[in-house]
Amino acid sequence: MTVNVVIDTNALLIPFRFGINVDKELQRIYGSATIYIPSSVIDEIQKIDITDNERKSAIALSHKYKIVNTINKGDRGVIEAANFVNGVIFTNDRNLMRTALKMKISVVFMRKKNHLELHGNDLLEW
């Protein structure tokens, strides 16, 4: 079974900041994953304070994945996309993690700056 994964802005930058191959890590966790980028994340990448190289690399990487048009911006746009595709959220944003878990949406996040982990509602106790 293929799992739908929605990537937020900080997760989209992980390959360039930490050298983690996101595709391989998601394949390790799920076996098969379809990756989605909310349109709000594409908009945010254009505006946030990152290097030009990170911006160009993140935009190029986002073209590899499916885009989900969202009405909402920021965390709400990521949650909107996850609900739309019935997917999990890949983020390192603690507030987004907590919100997603409270909404019964599982979360993938970076652990020890070298791999990804999946967690469900067991993280609500943070």
PDB file of N, CA and C in Angstrom:
ATOM      1  N   MET A   1       0.827  -1.177   0.000  1.00  0.00           N
ATOM      2  CA  MET A   1       0.000   0.000   0.000  1.00  0.00           C
ATOM      3  C   MET A   1       0.880   1.253   0.000  1.00  0.00           C
ATOM      4  N   THR A   2       0.529   2.207  -0.813  1.00  0.00           N
ATOM      5  CA  THR A   2       1.266   3.469  -0.895  1.00  0.00           C
ATOM      6  C   THR A   2       0.703   4.462   0.115  1.00  0.00           C
ATOM      7  N   VAL A   3       1.590   5.134   0.819  1.00  0.00           N
ATOM      8  CA  VAL A   3       1.205   6.134   1.808  1.00  0.00           C
ATOM      9  C   VAL A   3       1.423   7.517   1.203  1.00  0.00           C
ATOM     10  N   ASN A   4       0.471   8.407   1.420  1.00  0.00           N
ATOM     11  CA  ASN A   4       0.596   9.792   0.971  1.00  0.00           C
ATOM     12  C   ASN A   4       1.288  10.610   2.050  1.00  0.00           C
ATOM     13  N   VAL A   5       2.335  11.346   1.646  1.00  0.00           N
ATOM     14  CA  VAL A   5       3.116  12.154   2.578  1.00  0.00           C
ATOM     15  C   VAL A   5       3.093  13.598   2.113  1.00  0.00           C
ATOM     16  N   VAL A   6       2.695  14.497   3.001  1.00  0.00           N
ATOM     17  CA  VAL A   6       2.658  15.929   2.713  1.00  0.00           C
ATOM     18  C   VAL A   6       3.854  16.579   3.408  1.00  0.00           C
ATOM     19  N   ILE A   7       4.671  17.268   2.631  1.00  0.00           N
ATOM     20  CA  ILE A   7       5.902  17.875   3.149  1.00  0.00           C
ATOM     21  C   ILE A   7       5.683  19.356   3.422  1.00  0.00           C
ATOM     22  N   ASP A   8       6.116  19.806   4.603  1.00  0.00           N
ATOM     23  CA  ASP A   8       6.025  21.232   4.893  1.00  0.00           C
ATOM     24  C   ASP A   8       7.345  21.916   4.525  1.00  0.00           C
ATOM     25  N   THR A   9       7.417  23.205   4.741  1.00  0.00           N
ATOM     26  CA  THR A   9       8.553  23.998   4.270  1.00  0.00           C
ATOM     27  C   THR A   9       9.871  23.557   4.885  1.00  0.00           C
ATOM     28  N   ASN A  10       9.923  23.397   6.200  1.00  0.00           N
ATOM     29  CA  ASN A  10      11.209  23.034   6.805  1.00  0.00           C
ATOM     30  C   ASN A  10      11.655  21.643   6.387  1.00  0.00           C
ATOM     31  N   ALA A  11      10.722  20.744   6.164  1.00  0.00           N
ATOM     32  CA  ALA A  11      11.072  19.392   5.720  1.00  0.00           C
ATOM     33  C   ALA A  11      11.601  19.403   4.287  1.00  0.00           C
ATOM     34  N   LEU A  12      11.094  20.306   3.472  1.00  0.00           N
ATOM     35  CA  LEU A  12      11.561  20.415   2.093  1.00  0.00           C
ATOM     36  C   LEU A  12      13.026  20.851   2.041  1.00  0.00           C
ATOM     37  N   LEU A  13      13.497  21.522   3.078  1.00  0.00           N
ATOM     38  CA  LEU A  13      14.885  21.987   3.126  1.00  0.00           C
ATOM     39  C   LEU A  13      15.848  20.970   3.737  1.00  0.00           C
ATOM     40  N   ILE A  14      15.344  19.918   4.352  1.00  0.00           N
ATOM     41  CA  ILE A  14      16.190  18.930   5.035  1.00  0.00           C
ATOM     42  C   ILE A  14      17.259  18.311   4.131  1.00  0.00           C
ATOM     43  N   PRO A  15      16.942  17.921   2.900  1.00  0.00           N
ATOM     44  CA  PRO A  15      17.998  17.324   2.065  1.00  0.00           C
ATOM     45  C   PRO A  15      19.200  18.246   1.852  1.00  0.00           C
ATOM     46  N   PHE A  16      18.982  19.552   1.813  1.00  0.00           N
ATOM     47  CA  PHE A  16      20.053  20.502   1.530  1.00  0.00           C
ATOM     48  C   PHE A  16      20.788  20.944   2.785  1.00  0.00           C
ATOM     49  N   ARG A  17      20.131  20.870   3.907  1.00  0.00           N
ATOM     50  CA  ARG A  17      20.766  21.280   5.163  1.00  0.00           C
ATOM     51  C   ARG A  17      21.424  20.126   5.905  1.00  0.00           C
ATOM     52  N   PHE A  18      20.902  18.918   5.722  1.00  0.00           N
ATOM     53  CA  PHE A  18      21.403  17.780   6.500  1.00  0.00           C
ATOM     54  C   PHE A  18      21.842  16.595   5.640  1.00  0.00           C
ATOM     55  N   GLY A  19      21.636  16.675   4.337  1.00  0.00           N
ATOM     56  CA  GLY A  19      22.087  15.611   3.439  1.00  0.00           C
ATOM     57  C   GLY A  19      21.273  14.329   3.527  1.00  0.00           C
ATOM     58  N   ILE A  20      20.067  14.405   4.042  1.00  0.00           N
ATOM     59  CA  ILE A  20      19.215  13.221   4.147  1.00  0.00           C
ATOM     60  C   ILE A  20      18.458  13.043   2.831  1.00  0.00           C
ATOM     61  N   ASN A  21      18.500  11.844   2.296  1.00  0.00           N
ATOM     62  CA  ASN A  21      17.742  11.528   1.090  1.00  0.00           C
ATOM     63  C   ASN A  21      16.310  11.208   1.530  1.00  0.00           C
ATOM     64  N   VAL A  22      15.445  12.170   1.372  1.00  0.00           N
ATOM     65  CA  VAL A  22      14.066  12.062   1.848  1.00  0.00           C
ATOM     66  C   VAL A  22      13.335  10.912   1.155  1.00  0.00           C
ATOM     67  N   ASP A  23      13.526  10.768  -0.149  1.00  0.00           N
ATOM     68  CA  ASP A  23      12.851   9.692  -0.884  1.00  0.00           C
ATOM     69  C   ASP A  23      13.236   8.319  -0.335  1.00  0.00           C
ATOM     70  N   LYS A  24      14.524   8.109  -0.119  1.00  0.00           N
ATOM     71  CA  LYS A  24      14.986   6.808   0.399  1.00  0.00           C
ATOM     72  C   LYS A  24      14.500   6.564   1.823  1.00  0.00           C
ATOM     73  N   GLU A  25      14.504   7.613   2.625  1.00  0.00           N
ATOM     74  CA  GLU A  25      14.046   7.457   4.007  1.00  0.00           C
ATOM     75  C   GLU A  25      12.549   7.145   4.068  1.00  0.00           C
ATOM     76  N   LEU A  26      11.763   7.825   3.245  1.00  0.00           N
ATOM     77  CA  LEU A  26      10.323   7.534   3.229  1.00  0.00           C
ATOM     78  C   LEU A  26      10.070   6.135   2.683  1.00  0.00           C
ATOM     79  N   GLN A  27      10.872   5.711   1.727  1.00  0.00           N
ATOM     80  CA  GLN A  27      10.741   4.348   1.210  1.00  0.00           C
ATOM     81  C   GLN A  27      11.117   3.336   2.299  1.00  0.00           C
ATOM     82  N   ARG A  28      12.137   3.655   3.096  1.00  0.00           N
ATOM     83  CA  ARG A  28      12.533   2.771   4.196  1.00  0.00           C
ATOM     84  C   ARG A  28      11.400   2.635   5.209  1.00  0.00           C
ATOM     85  N   ILE A  29      10.739   3.737   5.510  1.00  0.00           N
ATOM     86  CA  ILE A  29       9.662   3.732   6.507  1.00  0.00           C
ATOM     87  C   ILE A  29       8.407   3.052   5.973  1.00  0.00           C
ATOM     88  N   TYR A  30       8.011   3.401   4.749  1.00  0.00           N
ATOM     89  CA  TYR A  30       6.712   2.977   4.224  1.00  0.00           C
ATOM     90  C   TYR A  30       6.759   1.909   3.143  1.00  0.00           C
ATOM     91  N   GLY A  31       7.894   1.747   2.502  1.00  0.00           N
ATOM     92  CA  GLY A  31       7.948   0.850   1.357  1.00  0.00           C
ATOM     93  C   GLY A  31       7.585   1.595   0.085  1.00  0.00           C
ATOM     94  N   SER A  32       6.463   2.290   0.108  1.00  0.00           N
ATOM     95  CA  SER A  32       6.018   3.069  -1.046  1.00  0.00           C
ATOM     96  C   SER A  32       5.301   4.324  -0.559  1.00  0.00           C
ATOM     97  N   ALA A  33       5.709   5.470  -1.094  1.00  0.00           N
ATOM     98  CA  ALA A  33       5.091   6.735  -0.676  1.00  0.00           C
ATOM     99  C   ALA A  33       4.921   7.652  -1.876  1.00  0.00           C
ATOM    100  N   THR A  34       3.807   8.340  -1.907  1.00  0.00           N
ATOM    101  CA  THR A  34       3.574   9.412  -2.859  1.00  0.00           C
ATOM    102  C   THR A  34       3.726  10.711  -2.089  1.00  0.00           C
ATOM    103  N   ILE A  35       4.569  11.600  -2.599  1.00  0.00           N
ATOM    104  CA  ILE A  35       4.890  12.821  -1.879  1.00  0.00           C
ATOM    105  C   ILE A  35       4.157  14.002  -2.496  1.00  0.00           C
ATOM    106  N   TYR A  36       3.564  14.809  -1.614  1.00  0.00           N
ATOM    107  CA  TYR A  36       2.796  15.989  -2.020  1.00  0.00           C
ATOM    108  C   TYR A  36       3.389  17.237  -1.376  1.00  0.00           C
ATOM    109  N   ILE A  37       3.359  18.323  -2.135  1.00  0.00           N
ATOM    110  CA  ILE A  37       3.779  19.625  -1.634  1.00  0.00           C
ATOM    111  C   ILE A  37       2.570  20.560  -1.701  1.00  0.00           C
ATOM    112  N   PRO A  38       2.146  21.134  -0.570  1.00  0.00           N
ATOM    113  CA  PRO A  38       1.058  22.105  -0.625  1.00  0.00           C
ATOM    114  C   PRO A  38       1.493  23.357  -1.399  1.00  0.00           C
ATOM    115  N   SER A  39       0.587  23.945  -2.144  1.00  0.00           N
ATOM    116  CA  SER A  39       0.922  25.172  -2.876  1.00  0.00           C
ATOM    117  C   SER A  39       1.373  26.265  -1.910  1.00  0.00           C
ATOM    118  N   SER A  40       0.857  26.242  -0.694  1.00  0.00           N
ATOM    119  CA  SER A  40       1.263  27.234   0.306  1.00  0.00           C
ATOM    120  C   SER A  40       2.747  27.106   0.662  1.00  0.00           C
ATOM    121  N   VAL A  41       3.287  25.893   0.591  1.00  0.00           N
ATOM    122  CA  VAL A  41       4.714  25.681   0.855  1.00  0.00           C
ATOM    123  C   VAL A  41       5.544  26.286  -0.278  1.00  0.00           C
ATOM    124  N   ILE A  42       5.102  26.113  -1.512  1.00  0.00           N
ATOM    125  CA  ILE A  42       5.803  26.708  -2.651  1.00  0.00           C
ATOM    126  C   ILE A  42       5.825  28.233  -2.493  1.00  0.00           C
ATOM    127  N   ASP A  43       4.693  28.812  -2.102  1.00  0.00           N
ATOM    128  CA  ASP A  43       4.628  30.256  -1.879  1.00  0.00           C
ATOM    129  C   ASP A  43       5.586  30.687  -0.764  1.00  0.00           C
ATOM    130  N   GLU A  44       5.611  29.911   0.309  1.00  0.00           N
ATOM    131  CA  GLU A  44       6.452  30.259   1.459  1.00  0.00           C
ATOM    132  C   GLU A  44       7.934  30.181   1.117  1.00  0.00           C
ATOM    133  N   ILE A  45       8.333  29.189   0.339  1.00  0.00           N
ATOM    134  CA  ILE A  45       9.743  29.052  -0.062  1.00  0.00           C
ATOM    135  C   ILE A  45      10.216  30.311  -0.790  1.00  0.00           C
ATOM    136  N   GLN A  46       9.324  30.925  -1.542  1.00  0.00           N
ATOM    137  CA  GLN A  46       9.672  32.141  -2.284  1.00  0.00           C
ATOM    138  C   GLN A  46       9.926  33.331  -1.352  1.00  0.00           C
ATOM    139  N   LYS A  47       9.355  33.297  -0.137  1.00  0.00           N
ATOM    140  CA  LYS A  47       9.363  34.471   0.735  1.00  0.00           C
ATOM    141  C   LYS A  47      10.274  34.375   1.949  1.00  0.00           C
ATOM    142  N   ILE A  48      10.601  33.176   2.393  1.00  0.00           N
ATOM    143  CA  ILE A  48      11.348  33.051   3.649  1.00  0.00           C
ATOM    144  C   ILE A  48      12.822  33.397   3.461  1.00  0.00           C
ATOM    145  N   ASP A  49      13.490  33.632   4.574  1.00  0.00           N
ATOM    146  CA  ASP A  49      14.896  34.026   4.570  1.00  0.00           C
ATOM    147  C   ASP A  49      15.791  32.782   4.532  1.00  0.00           C
ATOM    148  N   ILE A  50      16.116  32.353   3.320  1.00  0.00           N
ATOM    149  CA  ILE A  50      17.036  31.235   3.099  1.00  0.00           C
ATOM    150  C   ILE A  50      17.996  31.654   1.997  1.00  0.00           C
ATOM    151  N   THR A  51      19.070  30.887   1.820  1.00  0.00           N
ATOM    152  CA  THR A  51      20.025  31.236   0.767  1.00  0.00           C
ATOM    153  C   THR A  51      19.392  31.019  -0.608  1.00  0.00           C
ATOM    154  N   ASP A  52      19.909  31.715  -1.593  1.00  0.00           N
ATOM    155  CA  ASP A  52      19.408  31.545  -2.951  1.00  0.00           C
ATOM    156  C   ASP A  52      19.574  30.104  -3.418  1.00  0.00           C
ATOM    157  N   ASN A  53      20.682  29.477  -3.021  1.00  0.00           N
ATOM    158  CA  ASN A  53      20.929  28.089  -3.406  1.00  0.00           C
ATOM    159  C   ASN A  53      19.881  27.160  -2.790  1.00  0.00           C
ATOM    160  N   GLU A  54      19.564  27.370  -1.510  1.00  0.00           N
ATOM    161  CA  GLU A  54      18.523  26.560  -0.866  1.00  0.00           C
ATOM    162  C   GLU A  54      17.176  26.760  -1.545  1.00  0.00           C
ATOM    163  N   ARG A  55      16.859  28.015  -1.868  1.00  0.00           N
ATOM    164  CA  ARG A  55      15.588  28.324  -2.524  1.00  0.00           C
ATOM    165  C   ARG A  55      15.500  27.618  -3.883  1.00  0.00           C
ATOM    166  N   LYS A  56      16.525  27.758  -4.698  1.00  0.00           N
ATOM    167  CA  LYS A  56      16.536  27.128  -6.024  1.00  0.00           C
ATOM    168  C   LYS A  56      16.460  25.609  -5.904  1.00  0.00           C
ATOM    169  N   SER A  57      17.207  25.054  -4.960  1.00  0.00           N
ATOM    170  CA  SER A  57      17.210  23.595  -4.776  1.00  0.00           C
ATOM    171  C   SER A  57      15.852  23.101  -4.288  1.00  0.00           C
ATOM    172  N   ALA A  58      15.242  23.817  -3.353  1.00  0.00           N
ATOM    173  CA  ALA A  58      13.934  23.419  -2.825  1.00  0.00           C
ATOM    174  C   ALA A  58      12.863  23.502  -3.909  1.00  0.00           C
ATOM    175  N   ILE A  59      12.910  24.539  -4.717  1.00  0.00           N
ATOM    176  CA  ILE A  59      11.939  24.667  -5.804  1.00  0.00           C
ATOM    177  C   ILE A  59      12.123  23.547  -6.819  1.00  0.00           C
ATOM    178  N   ALA A  60      13.381  23.256  -7.153  1.00  0.00           N
ATOM    179  CA  ALA A  60      13.653  22.162  -8.097  1.00  0.00           C
ATOM    180  C   ALA A  60      13.155  20.830  -7.533  1.00  0.00           C
ATOM    181  N   LEU A  61      13.407  20.581  -6.254  1.00  0.00           N
ATOM    182  CA  LEU A  61      12.951  19.341  -5.636  1.00  0.00           C
ATOM    183  C   LEU A  61      11.425  19.266  -5.616  1.00  0.00           C
ATOM    184  N   SER A  62      10.777  20.382  -5.351  1.00  0.00           N
ATOM    185  CA  SER A  62       9.311  20.384  -5.278  1.00  0.00           C
ATOM    186  C   SER A  62       8.682  19.989  -6.612  1.00  0.00           C
ATOM    187  N   HIS A  63       9.356  20.275  -7.726  1.00  0.00           N
ATOM    188  CA  HIS A  63       8.831  19.903  -9.049  1.00  0.00           C
ATOM    189  C   HIS A  63       8.794  18.392  -9.249  1.00  0.00           C
ATOM    190  N   LYS A  64       9.549  17.691  -8.438  1.00  0.00           N
ATOM    191  CA  LYS A  64       9.597  16.224  -8.515  1.00  0.00           C
ATOM    192  C   LYS A  64       8.334  15.590  -7.913  1.00  0.00           C
ATOM    193  N   TYR A  65       7.637  16.354  -7.072  1.00  0.00           N
ATOM    194  CA  TYR A  65       6.500  15.839  -6.337  1.00  0.00           C
ATOM    195  C   TYR A  65       5.181  16.420  -6.859  1.00  0.00           C
ATOM    196  N   LYS A  66       4.080  15.883  -6.358  1.00  0.00           N
ATOM    197  CA  LYS A  66       2.757  16.367  -6.749  1.00  0.00           C
ATOM    198  C   LYS A  66       2.408  17.594  -5.912  1.00  0.00           C
ATOM    199  N   ILE A  67       1.816  18.585  -6.558  1.00  0.00           N
ATOM    200  CA  ILE A  67       1.404  19.806  -5.876  1.00  0.00           C
ATOM    201  C   ILE A  67      -0.079  19.699  -5.505  1.00  0.00           C
ATOM    202  N   VAL A  68      -0.400  20.081  -4.267  1.00  0.00           N
ATOM    203  CA  VAL A  68      -1.790  20.135  -3.809  1.00  0.00           C
ATOM    204  C   VAL A  68      -2.133  21.608  -3.619  1.00  0.00           C
ATOM    205  N   ASN A  69      -3.101  22.089  -4.365  1.00  0.00           N
ATOM    206  CA  ASN A  69      -3.537  23.475  -4.200  1.00  0.00           C
ATOM    207  C   ASN A  69      -4.264  23.622  -2.873  1.00  0.00           C
ATOM    208  N   THR A  70      -3.855  24.642  -2.110  1.00  0.00           N
ATOM    209  CA  THR A  70      -4.470  24.896  -0.809  1.00  0.00           C
ATOM    210  C   THR A  70      -4.991  26.318  -0.737  1.00  0.00           C
ATOM    211  N   ILE A  71      -6.041  26.490   0.022  1.00  0.00           N
ATOM    212  CA  ILE A  71      -6.598  27.817   0.278  1.00  0.00           C
ATOM    213  C   ILE A  71      -5.849  28.455   1.439  1.00  0.00           C
ATOM    214  N   ASN A  72      -5.592  27.646   2.461  1.00  0.00           N
ATOM    215  CA  ASN A  72      -4.929  28.136   3.668  1.00  0.00           C
ATOM    216  C   ASN A  72      -3.430  28.260   3.472  1.00  0.00           C
ATOM    217  N   LYS A  73      -2.806  29.060   4.319  1.00  0.00           N
ATOM    218  CA  LYS A  73      -1.359  29.277   4.314  1.00  0.00           C
ATOM    219  C   LYS A  73      -0.739  28.650   5.549  1.00  0.00           C
ATOM    220  N   GLY A  74       0.574  28.519   5.545  1.00  0.00           N
ATOM    221  CA  GLY A  74       1.299  28.043   6.716  1.00  0.00           C
ATOM    222  C   GLY A  74       0.874  26.642   7.140  1.00  0.00           C
ATOM    223  N   ASP A  75       0.845  26.429   8.456  1.00  0.00           N
ATOM    224  CA  ASP A  75       0.492  25.118   9.004  1.00  0.00           C
ATOM    225  C   ASP A  75      -0.905  24.673   8.579  1.00  0.00           C
ATOM    226  N   ARG A  76      -1.821  25.617   8.509  1.00  0.00           N
ATOM    227  CA  ARG A  76      -3.189  25.271   8.101  1.00  0.00           C
ATOM    228  C   ARG A  76      -3.226  24.732   6.671  1.00  0.00           C
ATOM    229  N   GLY A  77      -2.379  25.266   5.806  1.00  0.00           N
ATOM    230  CA  GLY A  77      -2.301  24.767   4.436  1.00  0.00           C
ATOM    231  C   GLY A  77      -1.756  23.351   4.382  1.00  0.00           C
ATOM    232  N   VAL A  78      -0.781  23.048   5.233  1.00  0.00           N
ATOM    233  CA  VAL A  78      -0.212  21.696   5.294  1.00  0.00           C
ATOM    234  C   VAL A  78      -1.273  20.712   5.798  1.00  0.00           C
ATOM    235  N   ILE A  79      -1.986  21.096   6.842  1.00  0.00           N
ATOM    236  CA  ILE A  79      -3.051  20.236   7.378  1.00  0.00           C
ATOM    237  C   ILE A  79      -4.166  20.063   6.352  1.00  0.00           C
ATOM    238  N   GLU A  80      -4.526  21.132   5.666  1.00  0.00           N
ATOM    239  CA  GLU A  80      -5.541  21.054   4.613  1.00  0.00           C
ATOM    240  C   GLU A  80      -5.125  20.033   3.545  1.00  0.00           C
ATOM    241  N   ALA A  81      -3.865  20.097   3.123  1.00  0.00           N
ATOM    242  CA  ALA A  81      -3.364  19.168   2.103  1.00  0.00           C
ATOM    243  C   ALA A  81      -3.363  17.732   2.620  1.00  0.00           C
ATOM    244  N   ALA A  82      -2.930  17.533   3.867  1.00  0.00           N
ATOM    245  CA  ALA A  82      -2.907  16.188   4.446  1.00  0.00           C
ATOM    246  C   ALA A  82      -4.310  15.600   4.527  1.00  0.00           C
ATOM    247  N   ASN A  83      -5.269  16.412   4.908  1.00  0.00           N
ATOM    248  CA  ASN A  83      -6.652  15.941   4.949  1.00  0.00           C
ATOM    249  C   ASN A  83      -7.166  15.624   3.549  1.00  0.00           C
ATOM    250  N   PHE A  84      -6.822  16.450   2.582  1.00  0.00           N
ATOM    251  CA  PHE A  84      -7.291  16.261   1.210  1.00  0.00           C
ATOM    252  C   PHE A  84      -6.775  14.956   0.602  1.00  0.00           C
ATOM    253  N   VAL A  85      -5.489  14.629   0.847  1.00  0.00           N
ATOM    254  CA  VAL A  85      -4.900  13.416   0.253  1.00  0.00           C
ATOM    255  C   VAL A  85      -4.925  12.236   1.222  1.00  0.00           C
ATOM    256  N   ASN A  86      -5.521  12.452   2.413  1.00  0.00           N
ATOM    257  CA  ASN A  86      -5.553  11.410   3.445  1.00  0.00           C
ATOM    258  C   ASN A  86      -4.132  10.922   3.732  1.00  0.00           C
ATOM    259  N   GLY A  87      -3.257  11.873   4.048  1.00  0.00           N
ATOM    260  CA  GLY A  87      -1.848  11.540   4.216  1.00  0.00           C
ATOM    261  C   GLY A  87      -1.298  11.881   5.576  1.00  0.00           C
ATOM    262  N   VAL A  88      -0.020  11.572   5.744  1.00  0.00           N
ATOM    263  CA  VAL A  88       0.736  11.937   6.936  1.00  0.00           C
ATOM    264  C   VAL A  88       1.488  13.228   6.626  1.00  0.00           C
ATOM    265  N   ILE A  89       1.985  13.879   7.655  1.00  0.00           N
ATOM    266  CA  ILE A  89       2.717  15.126   7.481  1.00  0.00           C
ATOM    267  C   ILE A  89       4.179  14.904   7.847  1.00  0.00           C
ATOM    268  N   PHE A  90       5.073  15.383   6.982  1.00  0.00           N
ATOM    269  CA  PHE A  90       6.507  15.357   7.241  1.00  0.00           C
ATOM    270  C   PHE A  90       6.919  16.775   7.625  1.00  0.00           C
ATOM    271  N   THR A  91       7.314  16.953   8.879  1.00  0.00           N
ATOM    272  CA  THR A  91       7.684  18.269   9.403  1.00  0.00           C
ATOM    273  C   THR A  91       8.631  18.123  10.583  1.00  0.00           C
ATOM    274  N   ASN A  92       9.358  19.186  10.879  1.00  0.00           N
ATOM    275  CA  ASN A  92      10.122  19.270  12.120  1.00  0.00           C
ATOM    276  C   ASN A  92       9.593  20.393  13.001  1.00  0.00           C
ATOM    277  N   ASP A  93       8.488  20.961  12.639  1.00  0.00           N
ATOM    278  CA  ASP A  93       7.846  22.049  13.374  1.00  0.00           C
ATOM    279  C   ASP A  93       7.021  21.439  14.512  1.00  0.00           C
ATOM    280  N   ARG A  94       7.462  21.666  15.745  1.00  0.00           N
ATOM    281  CA  ARG A  94       6.791  21.051  16.903  1.00  0.00           C
ATOM    282  C   ARG A  94       5.334  21.454  17.036  1.00  0.00           C
ATOM    283  N   ASN A  95       5.028  22.717  16.760  1.00  0.00           N
ATOM    284  CA  ASN A  95       3.625  23.148  16.862  1.00  0.00           C
ATOM    285  C   ASN A  95       2.764  22.433  15.834  1.00  0.00           C
ATOM    286  N   LEU A  96       3.261  22.312  14.612  1.00  0.00           N
ATOM    287  CA  LEU A  96       2.523  21.590  13.577  1.00  0.00           C
ATOM    288  C   LEU A  96       2.393  20.116  13.947  1.00  0.00           C
ATOM    289  N   MET A  97       3.449  19.532  14.515  1.00  0.00           N
ATOM    290  CA  MET A  97       3.374  18.128  14.956  1.00  0.00           C
ATOM    291  C   MET A  97       2.252  17.947  15.968  1.00  0.00           C
ATOM    292  N   ARG A  98       2.232  18.797  16.978  1.00  0.00           N
ATOM    293  CA  ARG A  98       1.207  18.683  18.025  1.00  0.00           C
ATOM    294  C   ARG A  98      -0.196  18.837  17.454  1.00  0.00           C
ATOM    295  N   THR A  99      -0.363  19.833  16.595  1.00  0.00           N
ATOM    296  CA  THR A  99      -1.675  20.059  15.985  1.00  0.00           C
ATOM    297  C   THR A  99      -2.094  18.854  15.155  1.00  0.00           C
ATOM    298  N   ALA A 100      -1.179  18.349  14.345  1.00  0.00           N
ATOM    299  CA  ALA A 100      -1.495  17.198  13.496  1.00  0.00           C
ATOM    300  C   ALA A 100      -1.865  15.982  14.339  1.00  0.00           C
ATOM    301  N   LEU A 101      -1.089  15.720  15.367  1.00  0.00           N
ATOM    302  CA  LEU A 101      -1.353  14.551  16.205  1.00  0.00           C
ATOM    303  C   LEU A 101      -2.689  14.671  16.929  1.00  0.00           C
ATOM    304  N   LYS A 102      -3.027  15.875  17.365  1.00  0.00           N
ATOM    305  CA  LYS A 102      -4.331  16.078  18.002  1.00  0.00           C
ATOM    306  C   LYS A 102      -5.463  15.819  17.020  1.00  0.00           C
ATOM    307  N   MET A 103      -5.188  16.026  15.729  1.00  0.00           N
ATOM    308  CA  MET A 103      -6.185  15.798  14.692  1.00  0.00           C
ATOM    309  C   MET A 103      -6.098  14.370  14.134  1.00  0.00           C
ATOM    310  N   LYS A 104      -5.313  13.522  14.810  1.00  0.00           N
ATOM    311  CA  LYS A 104      -5.149  12.114  14.426  1.00  0.00           C
ATOM    312  C   LYS A 104      -4.436  11.957  13.077  1.00  0.00           C
ATOM    313  N   ILE A 105      -3.554  12.909  12.743  1.00  0.00           N
ATOM    314  CA  ILE A 105      -2.733  12.823  11.542  1.00  0.00           C
ATOM    315  C   ILE A 105      -1.329  12.425  11.993  1.00  0.00           C
ATOM    316  N   SER A 106      -0.816  11.318  11.474  1.00  0.00           N
ATOM    317  CA  SER A 106       0.528  10.873  11.838  1.00  0.00           C
ATOM    318  C   SER A 106       1.576  11.830  11.274  1.00  0.00           C
ATOM    319  N   VAL A 107       2.763  11.790  11.900  1.00  0.00           N
ATOM    320  CA  VAL A 107       3.831  12.726  11.559  1.00  0.00           C
ATOM    321  C   VAL A 107       5.133  11.973  11.334  1.00  0.00           C
ATOM    322  N   VAL A 108       5.849  12.382  10.302  1.00  0.00           N
ATOM    323  CA  VAL A 108       7.215  11.932  10.058  1.00  0.00           C
ATOM    324  C   VAL A 108       8.108  13.123  10.380  1.00  0.00           C
ATOM    325  N   PHE A 109       9.222  12.878  11.063  1.00  0.00           N
ATOM    326  CA  PHE A 109      10.128  13.971  11.389  1.00  0.00           C
ATOM    327  C   PHE A 109      11.568  13.479  11.389  1.00  0.00           C
ATOM    328  N   MET A 110      12.498  14.431  11.339  1.00  0.00           N
ATOM    329  CA  MET A 110      13.914  14.094  11.350  1.00  0.00           C
ATOM    330  C   MET A 110      14.359  13.808  12.774  1.00  0.00           C
ATOM    331  N   ARG A 111      15.156  12.759  12.909  1.00  0.00           N
ATOM    332  CA  ARG A 111      15.681  12.377  14.221  1.00  0.00           C
ATOM    333  C   ARG A 111      17.206  12.350  14.140  1.00  0.00           C
ATOM    334  N   LYS A 112      17.862  12.970  15.094  1.00  0.00           N
ATOM    335  CA  LYS A 112      19.318  12.977  15.216  1.00  0.00           C
ATOM    336  C   LYS A 112      20.031  13.485  13.963  1.00  0.00           C
ATOM    337  N   LYS A 113      19.358  14.298  13.197  1.00  0.00           N
ATOM    338  CA  LYS A 113      19.921  14.927  12.000  1.00  0.00           C
ATOM    339  C   LYS A 113      20.458  13.934  10.972  1.00  0.00           C
ATOM    340  N   ASN A 114      19.989  12.654  11.057  1.00  0.00           N
ATOM    341  CA  ASN A 114      20.503  11.692  10.078  1.00  0.00           C
ATOM    342  C   ASN A 114      19.480  10.688   9.565  1.00  0.00           C
ATOM    343  N   HIS A 115      18.252  10.714  10.065  1.00  0.00           N
ATOM    344  CA  HIS A 115      17.224   9.805   9.558  1.00  0.00           C
ATOM    345  C   HIS A 115      15.836  10.336   9.918  1.00  0.00           C
ATOM    346  N   LEU A 116      14.828   9.722   9.312  1.00  0.00           N
ATOM    347  CA  LEU A 116      13.446  10.108   9.571  1.00  0.00           C
ATOM    348  C   LEU A 116      12.770   9.052  10.426  1.00  0.00           C
ATOM    349  N   GLU A 117      11.799   9.495  11.221  1.00  0.00           N
ATOM    350  CA  GLU A 117      10.993   8.586  12.039  1.00  0.00           C
ATOM    351  C   GLU A 117       9.529   8.932  11.877  1.00  0.00           C
ATOM    352  N   LEU A 118       8.694   7.929  12.060  1.00  0.00           N
ATOM    353  CA  LEU A 118       7.246   8.086  12.008  1.00  0.00           C
ATOM    354  C   LEU A 118       6.684   7.963  13.406  1.00  0.00           C
ATOM    355  N   HIS A 119       5.752   8.858  13.730  1.00  0.00           N
ATOM    356  CA  HIS A 119       5.045   8.750  15.002  1.00  0.00           C
ATOM    357  C   HIS A 119       3.579   9.078  14.796  1.00  0.00           C
ATOM    358  N   GLY A 120       2.778   8.377  15.549  1.00  0.00           N
ATOM    359  CA  GLY A 120       1.339   8.656  15.553  1.00  0.00           C
ATOM    360  C   GLY A 120       1.005   9.442  16.792  1.00  0.00           C
ATOM    361  N   ASN A 121      -0.101   9.144  17.396  1.00  0.00           N
ATOM    362  CA  ASN A 121      -0.592   9.928  18.520  1.00  0.00           C
ATOM    363  C   ASN A 121       0.157   9.698  19.822  1.00  0.00           C
ATOM    364  N   ASP A 122       1.182   8.870  19.828  1.00  0.00           N
ATOM    365  CA  ASP A 122       1.968   8.656  21.042  1.00  0.00           C
ATOM    366  C   ASP A 122       2.789   9.894  21.397  1.00  0.00           C
ATOM    367  N   LEU A 123       2.891  10.880  20.513  1.00  0.00           N
ATOM    368  CA  LEU A 123       3.677  12.083  20.797  1.00  0.00           C
ATOM    369  C   LEU A 123       2.861  13.171  21.486  1.00  0.00           C
ATOM    370  N   LEU A 124       1.607  12.936  21.739  1.00  0.00           N
ATOM    371  CA  LEU A 124       0.780  13.960  22.378  1.00  0.00           C
ATOM    372  C   LEU A 124       1.259  14.330  23.765  1.00  0.00           C
ATOM    373  N   GLU A 125       2.072  13.490  24.373  1.00  0.00           N
ATOM    374  CA  GLU A 125       2.537  13.758  25.730  1.00  0.00           C
ATOM    375  C   GLU A 125       3.724  14.694  25.767  1.00  0.00           C
ATOM    376  N   TRP A 126       4.231  15.177  24.649  1.00  0.00           N
ATOM    377  CA  TRP A 126       5.383  16.090  24.632  1.00  0.00           C
ATOM    378  C   TRP A 126       5.157  17.254  25.530  1.00  0.00           C
TER     379      TRP A 126
END
